Amino acid sequence: MRTRLHLKPGQRGTKRLSEKYGEQLVCVRYRYDDATKKRYKTVELIVDIAEWNPRVKTCTKSS
């Protein structure tokens, strides 16, 4: 299966999905399966937003 199109919200081909999912929509992908001759439309959505504090890496040098 291969991906031919990767569209951002607002681009042509995403209008109905943008209306349906609104700000949650991250991208739309069109994937093609040569074996079954089918096209799949997939969406990437934001389902949760939370605070995140990355850990600070400490470098320790051993002598």
N, C-alpha and C. Protein backbone atom coordinates (compact mmCIF):
# COMPACT_ATOMS: atom_id res chain seq x y z
N MET A 1 0.85 -1.17 0.00
CA MET A 1 0.00 0.00 0.00
C MET A 1 0.90 1.23 0.00
N ARG A 2 0.51 2.20 -0.79
CA ARG A 2 1.32 3.42 -0.88
C ARG A 2 0.46 4.64 -0.62
N THR A 3 1.07 5.68 -0.11
CA THR A 3 0.39 6.94 0.15
C THR A 3 0.75 7.91 -0.95
N ARG A 4 -0.27 8.45 -1.63
CA ARG A 4 -0.01 9.40 -2.70
C ARG A 4 -0.24 10.83 -2.28
N LEU A 5 -1.24 11.06 -1.44
CA LEU A 5 -1.55 12.43 -1.03
C LEU A 5 -1.54 12.56 0.49
N HIS A 6 -1.01 13.66 0.95
CA HIS A 6 -1.00 14.01 2.37
C HIS A 6 -1.47 15.46 2.42
N LEU A 7 -2.72 15.67 2.83
CA LEU A 7 -3.31 17.00 2.78
C LEU A 7 -3.52 17.59 4.17
N LYS A 8 -3.31 18.89 4.27
CA LYS A 8 -3.56 19.60 5.51
C LYS A 8 -4.97 20.16 5.48
N PRO A 9 -5.59 20.39 6.66
CA PRO A 9 -6.94 20.94 6.69
C PRO A 9 -7.04 22.24 5.89
N GLY A 10 -8.11 22.37 5.13
CA GLY A 10 -8.31 23.55 4.31
C GLY A 10 -7.89 23.35 2.86
N GLN A 11 -7.06 22.34 2.62
CA GLN A 11 -6.66 22.07 1.24
C GLN A 11 -7.80 21.39 0.50
N ARG A 12 -7.75 21.45 -0.81
CA ARG A 12 -8.77 20.81 -1.63
C ARG A 12 -8.82 19.31 -1.33
N GLY A 13 -10.01 18.79 -1.08
CA GLY A 13 -10.17 17.38 -0.74
C GLY A 13 -10.37 17.15 0.75
N THR A 14 -10.38 18.23 1.53
CA THR A 14 -10.54 18.08 2.98
C THR A 14 -11.74 18.86 3.51
N LYS A 15 -12.50 19.48 2.65
CA LYS A 15 -13.57 20.40 3.08
C LYS A 15 -14.58 19.72 4.00
N ARG A 16 -15.17 18.60 3.57
CA ARG A 16 -16.19 17.93 4.39
C ARG A 16 -15.61 17.41 5.69
N LEU A 17 -14.39 16.91 5.64
CA LEU A 17 -13.76 16.39 6.86
C LEU A 17 -13.41 17.54 7.81
N SER A 18 -13.02 18.68 7.26
CA SER A 18 -12.75 19.86 8.09
C SER A 18 -14.03 20.33 8.78
N GLU A 19 -15.14 20.28 8.06
CA GLU A 19 -16.43 20.66 8.65
C GLU A 19 -16.84 19.68 9.74
N LYS A 20 -16.57 18.40 9.52
CA LYS A 20 -16.97 17.36 10.47
C LYS A 20 -16.12 17.37 11.74
N TYR A 21 -14.79 17.49 11.60
CA TYR A 21 -13.87 17.35 12.73
C TYR A 21 -13.33 18.68 13.26
N GLY A 22 -13.44 19.75 12.48
CA GLY A 22 -13.01 21.07 12.93
C GLY A 22 -11.52 21.13 13.26
N GLU A 23 -11.22 21.76 14.40
CA GLU A 23 -9.82 21.97 14.82
C GLU A 23 -9.10 20.68 15.19
N GLN A 24 -9.84 19.59 15.38
CA GLN A 24 -9.21 18.31 15.74
C GLN A 24 -8.49 17.67 14.57
N LEU A 25 -8.85 18.06 13.34
CA LEU A 25 -8.27 17.45 12.15
C LEU A 25 -6.83 17.91 11.96
N VAL A 26 -5.92 16.95 11.85
CA VAL A 26 -4.50 17.24 11.64
C VAL A 26 -4.15 17.08 10.16
N CYS A 27 -4.55 15.96 9.56
CA CYS A 27 -4.26 15.74 8.14
C CYS A 27 -5.17 14.66 7.58
N VAL A 28 -5.23 14.61 6.24
CA VAL A 28 -5.98 13.60 5.51
C VAL A 28 -4.98 12.92 4.58
N ARG A 29 -5.03 11.59 4.55
CA ARG A 29 -4.13 10.84 3.66
C ARG A 29 -4.97 9.96 2.73
N TYR A 30 -4.54 9.87 1.50
CA TYR A 30 -5.13 8.95 0.55
C TYR A 30 -4.11 7.85 0.30
N ARG A 31 -4.51 6.61 0.61
CA ARG A 31 -3.61 5.47 0.44
C ARG A 31 -4.18 4.55 -0.63
N TYR A 32 -3.32 3.96 -1.42
CA TYR A 32 -3.74 3.13 -2.55
C TYR A 32 -3.15 1.74 -2.42
N ASP A 33 -4.02 0.72 -2.59
CA ASP A 33 -3.60 -0.68 -2.53
C ASP A 33 -3.68 -1.24 -3.95
N ASP A 34 -2.52 -1.50 -4.54
CA ASP A 34 -2.47 -2.01 -5.91
C ASP A 34 -3.04 -3.41 -6.01
N ALA A 35 -2.87 -4.23 -4.98
CA ALA A 35 -3.34 -5.62 -5.02
C ALA A 35 -4.86 -5.70 -5.07
N THR A 36 -5.54 -4.90 -4.26
CA THR A 36 -7.01 -4.95 -4.22
C THR A 36 -7.66 -3.85 -5.06
N LYS A 37 -6.84 -2.96 -5.60
CA LYS A 37 -7.32 -1.82 -6.40
C LYS A 37 -8.33 -0.98 -5.62
N LYS A 38 -7.97 -0.67 -4.38
CA LYS A 38 -8.82 0.16 -3.53
C LYS A 38 -8.06 1.38 -3.06
N ARG A 39 -8.83 2.45 -2.83
CA ARG A 39 -8.28 3.69 -2.28
C ARG A 39 -8.86 3.86 -0.89
N TYR A 40 -8.00 4.19 0.07
CA TYR A 40 -8.42 4.41 1.45
C TYR A 40 -8.18 5.87 1.81
N LYS A 41 -9.18 6.49 2.39
CA LYS A 41 -9.02 7.86 2.88
C LYS A 41 -8.91 7.75 4.40
N THR A 42 -7.80 8.23 4.96
CA THR A 42 -7.59 8.17 6.41
C THR A 42 -7.44 9.58 6.95
N VAL A 43 -7.79 9.74 8.22
CA VAL A 43 -7.64 11.04 8.87
C VAL A 43 -6.82 10.89 10.14
N GLU A 44 -6.10 11.94 10.46
CA GLU A 44 -5.37 12.00 11.72
C GLU A 44 -6.05 13.08 12.56
N LEU A 45 -6.44 12.70 13.79
CA LEU A 45 -7.18 13.60 14.66
C LEU A 45 -6.45 13.80 15.98
N ILE A 46 -6.66 14.97 16.57
CA ILE A 46 -6.21 15.23 17.94
C ILE A 46 -7.34 14.79 18.85
N VAL A 47 -7.06 13.85 19.76
CA VAL A 47 -8.10 13.37 20.66
C VAL A 47 -7.88 13.81 22.10
N ASP A 48 -6.69 14.30 22.42
CA ASP A 48 -6.41 14.74 23.78
C ASP A 48 -5.27 15.75 23.76
N ILE A 49 -5.38 16.74 24.62
CA ILE A 49 -4.31 17.72 24.79
C ILE A 49 -4.01 17.78 26.27
N ALA A 50 -2.75 17.64 26.62
CA ALA A 50 -2.35 17.65 28.03
C ALA A 50 -1.01 18.37 28.16
N GLU A 51 -0.78 18.92 29.34
CA GLU A 51 0.51 19.54 29.64
C GLU A 51 1.59 18.48 29.63
N TRP A 52 2.79 18.89 29.21
CA TRP A 52 3.91 17.97 29.17
C TRP A 52 5.16 18.72 29.57
N ASN A 53 5.90 18.18 30.51
CA ASN A 53 7.16 18.76 30.95
C ASN A 53 8.27 17.75 30.64
N PRO A 54 9.08 18.02 29.63
CA PRO A 54 10.14 17.07 29.28
C PRO A 54 11.16 16.96 30.39
N ARG A 55 11.70 15.77 30.53
CA ARG A 55 12.75 15.55 31.52
C ARG A 55 14.04 16.19 31.03
N VAL A 56 14.79 16.69 31.96
CA VAL A 56 16.08 17.28 31.62
C VAL A 56 17.12 16.18 31.74
N LYS A 57 17.84 15.96 30.65
CA LYS A 57 18.86 14.94 30.67
C LYS A 57 20.10 15.49 31.36
N THR A 58 20.66 14.72 32.23
CA THR A 58 21.92 15.11 32.87
C THR A 58 23.03 14.23 32.36
N CYS A 59 24.09 14.87 31.99
CA CYS A 59 25.24 14.13 31.49
C CYS A 59 26.18 13.89 32.65
N THR A 60 26.49 12.64 32.89
CA THR A 60 27.45 12.31 33.93
C THR A 60 28.66 11.68 33.25
N LYS A 61 29.81 12.25 33.55
CA LYS A 61 31.04 11.73 32.99
C LYS A 61 31.73 10.92 34.07
N SER A 62 32.05 9.70 33.74
CA SER A 62 32.79 8.89 34.71
C SER A 62 34.27 8.98 34.38
N SER A 63 35.08 9.08 35.41
CA SER A 63 36.50 9.20 35.18
C SER A 63 37.24 7.98 35.60
